[in-house]
Amino acid sequence: MSLSKEKPITINGAAGKIEAKINFPVDWPACGGCMLIAHPHPLQGGTFDNKVVHTLARAALSAGFAAVRFNFRGVGESDGSYDEGIGEVDDMISVAENVFSHYQFGHKIFAGFSFGGYVASRACSGLGIDRLVLVAPAVGRFEMGVVPKNTLVIHGKDDDVVRLSDVFSWAEACDLPVTVFPKVGHFFHGKLIPLQKLVERFCKGIE
């Protein structure tokens, strides 16, 4: 899957170097927005090349945002090893602080899929994040963070990895709606394009 104007970058994190890639839309202005995307569980094959992660990046680019993907510690060319979801939060914060200091972004969005949704929810505090996109967040498996009011929660009705009932309970406590895709499992097979369009509209709705 190719994305426009891709630039590989290396960021120094607490566990060593973090492998990342940033993509810019063709007509990206200097004050454009940015989406930083966290991938699924490192011990279950999650990487920044995951299809849902790519779909989120495409949505951001289509909405005129830059898209940043990165590999957690111990994945790909990133140093370190899996840290039970604790060090991974630090990884996302390190990437955000580095990228946001090098580019004059306007609106900033964190996004994450599955385990990455948990990480994004924990990492977003205090970084000036406008909105959050959580796709099949790992509710019930990890302790979610405090999320902003402008959070888009998306889940598949037939998800057999993260129970929809758990997501409903968590979202209700946070006073958040949940967008449910019918006849869709955890990995959104066959529904990546509708997923992209939904996230794209969400990004374009930022004023």
C-alpha atoms as a PDB file:
ATOM      1  CA  MET A   1       0.000   0.000   0.000  1.00  0.00           C
ATOM      2  CA  SER A   2       1.659   3.219  -1.100  1.00  0.00           C
ATOM      3  CA  LEU A   3       0.915   6.554   0.519  1.00  0.00           C
ATOM      4  CA  SER A   4       1.784   9.955  -0.945  1.00  0.00           C
ATOM      5  CA  LYS A   5       5.024  11.820  -0.198  1.00  0.00           C
ATOM      6  CA  GLU A   6       6.353   9.401   2.420  1.00  0.00           C
ATOM      7  CA  LYS A   7       9.315  10.357   4.587  1.00  0.00           C
ATOM      8  CA  PRO A   8      11.004   7.801   6.895  1.00  0.00           C
ATOM      9  CA  ILE A   9      12.065   9.289  10.223  1.00  0.00           C
ATOM     10  CA  THR A  10      13.887   8.002  13.306  1.00  0.00           C
ATOM     11  CA  ILE A  11      12.988   9.316  16.744  1.00  0.00           C
ATOM     12  CA  ASN A  12      14.845   8.904  20.015  1.00  0.00           C
ATOM     13  CA  GLY A  13      12.646   7.305  22.661  1.00  0.00           C
ATOM     14  CA  ALA A  14      13.147   5.964  26.171  1.00  0.00           C
ATOM     15  CA  ALA A  15      14.007   2.486  24.832  1.00  0.00           C
ATOM     16  CA  GLY A  16      16.175   3.750  21.962  1.00  0.00           C
ATOM     17  CA  LYS A  17      15.301   4.608  18.394  1.00  0.00           C
ATOM     18  CA  ILE A  18      11.703   4.546  17.178  1.00  0.00           C
ATOM     19  CA  GLU A  19      11.030   3.797  13.515  1.00  0.00           C
ATOM     20  CA  ALA A  20       8.376   6.053  12.006  1.00  0.00           C
ATOM     21  CA  LYS A  21       7.036   7.311   8.696  1.00  0.00           C
ATOM     22  CA  ILE A  22       5.287  10.555   7.906  1.00  0.00           C
ATOM     23  CA  ASN A  23       3.136  11.133   4.828  1.00  0.00           C
ATOM     24  CA  PHE A  24       1.965  14.475   3.535  1.00  0.00           C
ATOM     25  CA  PRO A  25      -0.958  15.121   1.186  1.00  0.00           C
ATOM     26  CA  VAL A  26       0.169  16.597  -2.114  1.00  0.00           C
ATOM     27  CA  ASP A  27      -1.227  20.047  -1.325  1.00  0.00           C
ATOM     28  CA  TRP A  28      -0.444  20.004   2.389  1.00  0.00           C
ATOM     29  CA  PRO A  29       0.007  23.553   3.752  1.00  0.00           C
ATOM     30  CA  ALA A  30       2.528  24.425   6.408  1.00  0.00           C
ATOM     31  CA  CYS A  31      -0.331  24.938   8.897  1.00  0.00           C
ATOM     32  CA  GLY A  32      -2.161  21.705   8.034  1.00  0.00           C
ATOM     33  CA  GLY A  33      -3.267  19.170  10.584  1.00  0.00           C
ATOM     34  CA  CYS A  34      -1.679  15.884  11.601  1.00  0.00           C
ATOM     35  CA  MET A  35      -2.910  12.442  12.640  1.00  0.00           C
ATOM     36  CA  LEU A  36      -0.591  10.231  14.700  1.00  0.00           C
ATOM     37  CA  ILE A  37      -1.606   6.562  14.483  1.00  0.00           C
ATOM     38  CA  ALA A  38      -0.837   3.701  16.878  1.00  0.00           C
ATOM     39  CA  HIS A  39      -0.798   0.092  15.643  1.00  0.00           C
ATOM     40  CA  PRO A  40      -2.208  -3.144  17.171  1.00  0.00           C
ATOM     41  CA  HIS A  41      -0.549  -5.386  19.746  1.00  0.00           C
ATOM     42  CA  PRO A  42       3.184  -5.939  19.091  1.00  0.00           C
ATOM     43  CA  LEU A  43       3.058  -9.576  20.220  1.00  0.00           C
ATOM     44  CA  GLN A  44       0.183 -10.348  17.866  1.00  0.00           C
ATOM     45  CA  GLY A  45       1.755  -9.145  14.642  1.00  0.00           C
ATOM     46  CA  GLY A  46       0.891  -5.471  14.989  1.00  0.00           C
ATOM     47  CA  THR A  47       3.053  -3.036  12.986  1.00  0.00           C
ATOM     48  CA  PHE A  48       2.717   0.342  11.327  1.00  0.00           C
ATOM     49  CA  ASP A  49       1.951  -1.516   8.076  1.00  0.00           C
ATOM     50  CA  ASN A  50      -1.293  -2.976   9.447  1.00  0.00           C
ATOM     51  CA  LYS A  51      -4.211  -2.543   7.011  1.00  0.00           C
ATOM     52  CA  VAL A  52      -6.400  -0.634   9.455  1.00  0.00           C
ATOM     53  CA  VAL A  53      -3.484   1.660  10.308  1.00  0.00           C
ATOM     54  CA  HIS A  54      -2.987   2.314   6.596  1.00  0.00           C
ATOM     55  CA  THR A  55      -6.703   2.988   6.260  1.00  0.00           C
ATOM     56  CA  LEU A  56      -6.546   5.602   9.010  1.00  0.00           C
ATOM     57  CA  ALA A  57      -3.542   7.190   7.296  1.00  0.00           C
ATOM     58  CA  ARG A  58      -5.421   7.326   3.990  1.00  0.00           C
ATOM     59  CA  ALA A  59      -8.381   8.954   5.726  1.00  0.00           C
ATOM     60  CA  ALA A  60      -6.122  11.620   7.215  1.00  0.00           C
ATOM     61  CA  LEU A  61      -4.426  12.307   3.888  1.00  0.00           C
ATOM     62  CA  SER A  62      -7.753  12.534   2.061  1.00  0.00           C
ATOM     63  CA  ALA A  63      -8.883  15.100   4.636  1.00  0.00           C
ATOM     64  CA  GLY A  64      -5.745  17.195   4.067  1.00  0.00           C
ATOM     65  CA  PHE A  65      -3.876  16.022   7.171  1.00  0.00           C
ATOM     66  CA  ALA A  66      -0.372  14.640   7.430  1.00  0.00           C
ATOM     67  CA  ALA A  67      -0.272  11.054   8.732  1.00  0.00           C
ATOM     68  CA  VAL A  68       2.381   9.687  11.089  1.00  0.00           C
ATOM     69  CA  ARG A  69       2.769   5.943  11.688  1.00  0.00           C
ATOM     70  CA  PHE A  70       5.361   4.436  13.997  1.00  0.00           C
ATOM     71  CA  ASN A  71       6.477   1.058  15.294  1.00  0.00           C
ATOM     72  CA  PHE A  72       6.341   0.454  19.019  1.00  0.00           C
ATOM     73  CA  ARG A  73       9.492  -0.660  20.837  1.00  0.00           C
ATOM     74  CA  GLY A  74      10.663  -4.076  19.670  1.00  0.00           C
ATOM     75  CA  VAL A  75       8.740  -3.900  16.379  1.00  0.00           C
ATOM     76  CA  GLY A  76      10.432  -3.511  12.991  1.00  0.00           C
ATOM     77  CA  GLU A  77      13.493  -1.296  13.342  1.00  0.00           C
ATOM     78  CA  SER A  78      12.438   0.164  16.697  1.00  0.00           C
ATOM     79  CA  ASP A  79      14.699  -0.654  19.645  1.00  0.00           C
ATOM     80  CA  GLY A  80      13.616  -2.276  22.890  1.00  0.00           C
ATOM     81  CA  SER A  81      11.034  -4.918  23.726  1.00  0.00           C
ATOM     82  CA  TYR A  82       7.352  -5.120  24.572  1.00  0.00           C
ATOM     83  CA  ASP A  83       6.549  -3.328  27.840  1.00  0.00           C
ATOM     84  CA  GLU A  84       3.008  -4.414  28.736  1.00  0.00           C
ATOM     85  CA  GLY A  85       1.472  -1.264  27.257  1.00  0.00           C
ATOM     86  CA  ILE A  86       3.353   1.080  29.588  1.00  0.00           C
ATOM     87  CA  GLY A  87       6.466   1.879  27.570  1.00  0.00           C
ATOM     88  CA  GLU A  88       4.343   1.923  24.421  1.00  0.00           C
ATOM     89  CA  VAL A  89       2.476   4.947  25.768  1.00  0.00           C
ATOM     90  CA  ASP A  90       5.855   6.621  26.259  1.00  0.00           C
ATOM     91  CA  ASP A  91       6.737   5.723  22.660  1.00  0.00           C
ATOM     92  CA  MET A  92       3.687   7.535  21.303  1.00  0.00           C
ATOM     93  CA  ILE A  93       4.356  10.576  23.461  1.00  0.00           C
ATOM     94  CA  SER A  94       7.984  10.669  22.264  1.00  0.00           C
ATOM     95  CA  VAL A  95       6.902  10.511  18.630  1.00  0.00           C
ATOM     96  CA  ALA A  96       4.303  13.235  19.150  1.00  0.00           C
ATOM     97  CA  GLU A  97       6.674  15.593  20.932  1.00  0.00           C
ATOM     98  CA  ASN A  98       9.341  15.113  18.262  1.00  0.00           C
ATOM     99  CA  VAL A  99       7.079  15.494  15.248  1.00  0.00           C
ATOM    100  CA  PHE A 100       5.085  18.381  16.678  1.00  0.00           C
ATOM    101  CA  SER A 101       8.294  20.275  17.460  1.00  0.00           C
ATOM    102  CA  HIS A 102       9.605  19.883  13.907  1.00  0.00           C
ATOM    103  CA  TYR A 103       6.468  20.791  11.964  1.00  0.00           C
ATOM    104  CA  GLN A 104       4.004  23.646  12.307  1.00  0.00           C
ATOM    105  CA  PHE A 105       0.839  21.569  12.469  1.00  0.00           C
ATOM    106  CA  GLY A 106      -2.583  23.037  13.083  1.00  0.00           C
ATOM    107  CA  HIS A 107      -5.062  20.520  14.441  1.00  0.00           C
ATOM    108  CA  LYS A 108      -3.639  17.360  15.982  1.00  0.00           C
ATOM    109  CA  ILE A 109      -5.427  14.007  16.161  1.00  0.00           C
ATOM    110  CA  PHE A 110      -4.386  10.786  17.844  1.00  0.00           C
ATOM    111  CA  ALA A 111      -5.731   7.543  16.423  1.00  0.00           C
ATOM    112  CA  GLY A 112      -5.298   3.902  17.284  1.00  0.00           C
ATOM    113  CA  PHE A 113      -6.517   0.458  16.345  1.00  0.00           C
ATOM    114  CA  SER A 114      -7.127  -2.234  18.987  1.00  0.00           C
ATOM    115  CA  PHE A 115      -4.136  -2.128  21.400  1.00  0.00           C
ATOM    116  CA  GLY A 116      -3.177   1.104  19.656  1.00  0.00           C
ATOM    117  CA  GLY A 117      -6.505   2.596  20.699  1.00  0.00           C
ATOM    118  CA  TYR A 118      -5.642   1.964  24.332  1.00  0.00           C
ATOM    119  CA  VAL A 119      -2.216   3.560  23.825  1.00  0.00           C
ATOM    120  CA  ALA A 120      -3.690   6.612  22.075  1.00  0.00           C
ATOM    121  CA  SER A 121      -6.195   7.095  24.901  1.00  0.00           C
ATOM    122  CA  ARG A 122      -3.414   7.075  27.499  1.00  0.00           C
ATOM    123  CA  ALA A 123      -0.964   9.222  25.525  1.00  0.00           C
ATOM    124  CA  CYS A 124      -3.240  12.055  24.404  1.00  0.00           C
ATOM    125  CA  SER A 125      -3.396  13.995  27.677  1.00  0.00           C
ATOM    126  CA  GLY A 126      -1.500  17.280  27.808  1.00  0.00           C
ATOM    127  CA  LEU A 127      -0.335  17.274  24.182  1.00  0.00           C
ATOM    128  CA  GLY A 128      -2.888  19.637  22.666  1.00  0.00           C
ATOM    129  CA  ILE A 129      -4.786  16.852  20.909  1.00  0.00           C
ATOM    130  CA  ASP A 130      -7.978  18.140  19.269  1.00  0.00           C
ATOM    131  CA  ARG A 131      -9.664  14.811  18.644  1.00  0.00           C
ATOM    132  CA  LEU A 132      -9.219  11.097  19.087  1.00  0.00           C
ATOM    133  CA  VAL A 133     -10.117   8.221  16.748  1.00  0.00           C
ATOM    134  CA  LEU A 134     -10.420   4.786  18.364  1.00  0.00           C
ATOM    135  CA  VAL A 135     -11.063   1.779  16.131  1.00  0.00           C
ATOM    136  CA  ALA A 136     -11.949  -1.403  18.051  1.00  0.00           C
ATOM    137  CA  PRO A 137     -10.110  -0.109  21.151  1.00  0.00           C
ATOM    138  CA  ALA A 138      -8.875  -2.787  23.543  1.00  0.00           C
ATOM    139  CA  VAL A 139     -11.442  -2.009  26.222  1.00  0.00           C
ATOM    140  CA  GLY A 140     -11.482  -4.635  28.960  1.00  0.00           C
ATOM    141  CA  ARG A 141      -7.975  -5.787  28.125  1.00  0.00           C
ATOM    142  CA  PHE A 142      -6.154  -2.602  29.144  1.00  0.00           C
ATOM    143  CA  GLU A 143      -7.163   0.359  31.300  1.00  0.00           C
ATOM    144  CA  MET A 144      -8.236   3.128  28.949  1.00  0.00           C
ATOM    145  CA  GLY A 145      -7.200   6.712  29.581  1.00  0.00           C
ATOM    146  CA  VAL A 146      -9.341   9.826  29.962  1.00  0.00           C
ATOM    147  CA  VAL A 147     -10.386  10.802  26.449  1.00  0.00           C
ATOM    148  CA  PRO A 148     -11.550  14.146  25.017  1.00  0.00           C
ATOM    149  CA  LYS A 149     -15.217  14.823  24.266  1.00  0.00           C
ATOM    150  CA  ASN A 150     -14.429  14.884  20.556  1.00  0.00           C
ATOM    151  CA  THR A 151     -13.601  11.182  20.358  1.00  0.00           C
ATOM    152  CA  LEU A 152     -14.800   8.944  17.532  1.00  0.00           C
ATOM    153  CA  VAL A 153     -15.288   5.350  18.697  1.00  0.00           C
ATOM    154  CA  ILE A 154     -15.794   2.736  15.963  1.00  0.00           C
ATOM    155  CA  HIS A 155     -16.466  -0.942  16.548  1.00  0.00           C
ATOM    156  CA  GLY A 156     -17.592  -4.012  14.646  1.00  0.00           C
ATOM    157  CA  LYS A 157     -20.787  -5.692  15.804  1.00  0.00           C
ATOM    158  CA  ASP A 158     -19.253  -9.145  15.364  1.00  0.00           C
ATOM    159  CA  ASP A 159     -15.881  -8.363  16.974  1.00  0.00           C
ATOM    160  CA  ASP A 160     -14.704 -11.566  18.679  1.00  0.00           C
ATOM    161  CA  VAL A 161     -11.532 -10.012  20.127  1.00  0.00           C
ATOM    162  CA  VAL A 162     -12.981  -7.030  22.008  1.00  0.00           C
ATOM    163  CA  ARG A 163     -16.595  -7.437  23.093  1.00  0.00           C
ATOM    164  CA  LEU A 164     -18.969  -4.760  21.871  1.00  0.00           C
ATOM    165  CA  SER A 165     -20.747  -4.852  25.238  1.00  0.00           C
ATOM    166  CA  ASP A 166     -17.501  -3.857  26.968  1.00  0.00           C
ATOM    167  CA  VAL A 167     -17.054  -0.961  24.563  1.00  0.00           C
ATOM    168  CA  PHE A 168     -20.643   0.188  25.136  1.00  0.00           C
ATOM    169  CA  SER A 169     -20.158   0.135  28.913  1.00  0.00           C
ATOM    170  CA  TRP A 170     -16.910   2.087  28.736  1.00  0.00           C
ATOM    171  CA  ALA A 171     -18.275   4.601  26.213  1.00  0.00           C
ATOM    172  CA  GLU A 172     -21.416   5.183  28.264  1.00  0.00           C
ATOM    173  CA  ALA A 173     -19.294   6.021  31.297  1.00  0.00           C
ATOM    174  CA  CYS A 174     -17.375   8.503  29.116  1.00  0.00           C
ATOM    175  CA  ASP A 175     -20.606   9.914  27.625  1.00  0.00           C
ATOM    176  CA  LEU A 176     -19.452   8.930  24.133  1.00  0.00           C
ATOM    177  CA  PRO A 177     -21.449   7.502  21.221  1.00  0.00           C
ATOM    178  CA  VAL A 178     -20.204   4.371  19.461  1.00  0.00           C
ATOM    179  CA  THR A 179     -20.429   3.934  15.701  1.00  0.00           C
ATOM    180  CA  VAL A 180     -21.139   0.247  15.071  1.00  0.00           C
ATOM    181  CA  PHE A 181     -20.419  -1.489  11.774  1.00  0.00           C
ATOM    182  CA  PRO A 182     -22.880  -4.389  11.311  1.00  0.00           C
ATOM    183  CA  LYS A 183     -21.565  -7.804  10.260  1.00  0.00           C
ATOM    184  CA  VAL A 184     -17.980  -6.678  10.878  1.00  0.00           C
ATOM    185  CA  GLY A 185     -15.288  -8.371  12.959  1.00  0.00           C
ATOM    186  CA  HIS A 186     -12.239  -6.988  14.707  1.00  0.00           C
ATOM    187  CA  PHE A 187     -10.171  -6.374  11.572  1.00  0.00           C
ATOM    188  CA  PHE A 188     -12.887  -4.709   9.461  1.00  0.00           C
ATOM    189  CA  HIS A 189     -12.406  -7.137   6.568  1.00  0.00           C
ATOM    190  CA  GLY A 190     -14.327  -5.907   3.546  1.00  0.00           C
ATOM    191  CA  LYS A 191     -15.189  -2.612   5.243  1.00  0.00           C
ATOM    192  CA  LEU A 192     -11.947  -0.668   5.089  1.00  0.00           C
ATOM    193  CA  ILE A 193     -13.249   1.808   2.513  1.00  0.00           C
ATOM    194  CA  PRO A 194     -16.368   2.717   4.552  1.00  0.00           C
ATOM    195  CA  LEU A 195     -14.111   2.981   7.601  1.00  0.00           C
ATOM    196  CA  GLN A 196     -11.830   5.352   5.717  1.00  0.00           C
ATOM    197  CA  LYS A 197     -14.733   7.525   4.580  1.00  0.00           C
ATOM    198  CA  LEU A 198     -16.120   7.783   8.114  1.00  0.00           C
ATOM    199  CA  VAL A 199     -12.790   8.861   9.592  1.00  0.00           C
ATOM    200  CA  GLU A 200     -12.187  11.249   6.695  1.00  0.00           C
ATOM    201  CA  ARG A 201     -15.515  12.994   7.395  1.00  0.00           C
ATOM    202  CA  PHE A 202     -14.623  13.202  11.071  1.00  0.00           C
ATOM    203  CA  CYS A 203     -11.315  14.905  10.241  1.00  0.00           C
ATOM    204  CA  LYS A 204     -12.935  17.310   7.795  1.00  0.00           C
ATOM    205  CA  GLY A 205     -15.415  18.325  10.477  1.00  0.00           C
ATOM    206  CA  ILE A 206     -12.714  20.039  12.511  1.00  0.00           C
ATOM    207  CA  GLU A 207     -12.993  23.806  12.270  1.00  0.00           C
END
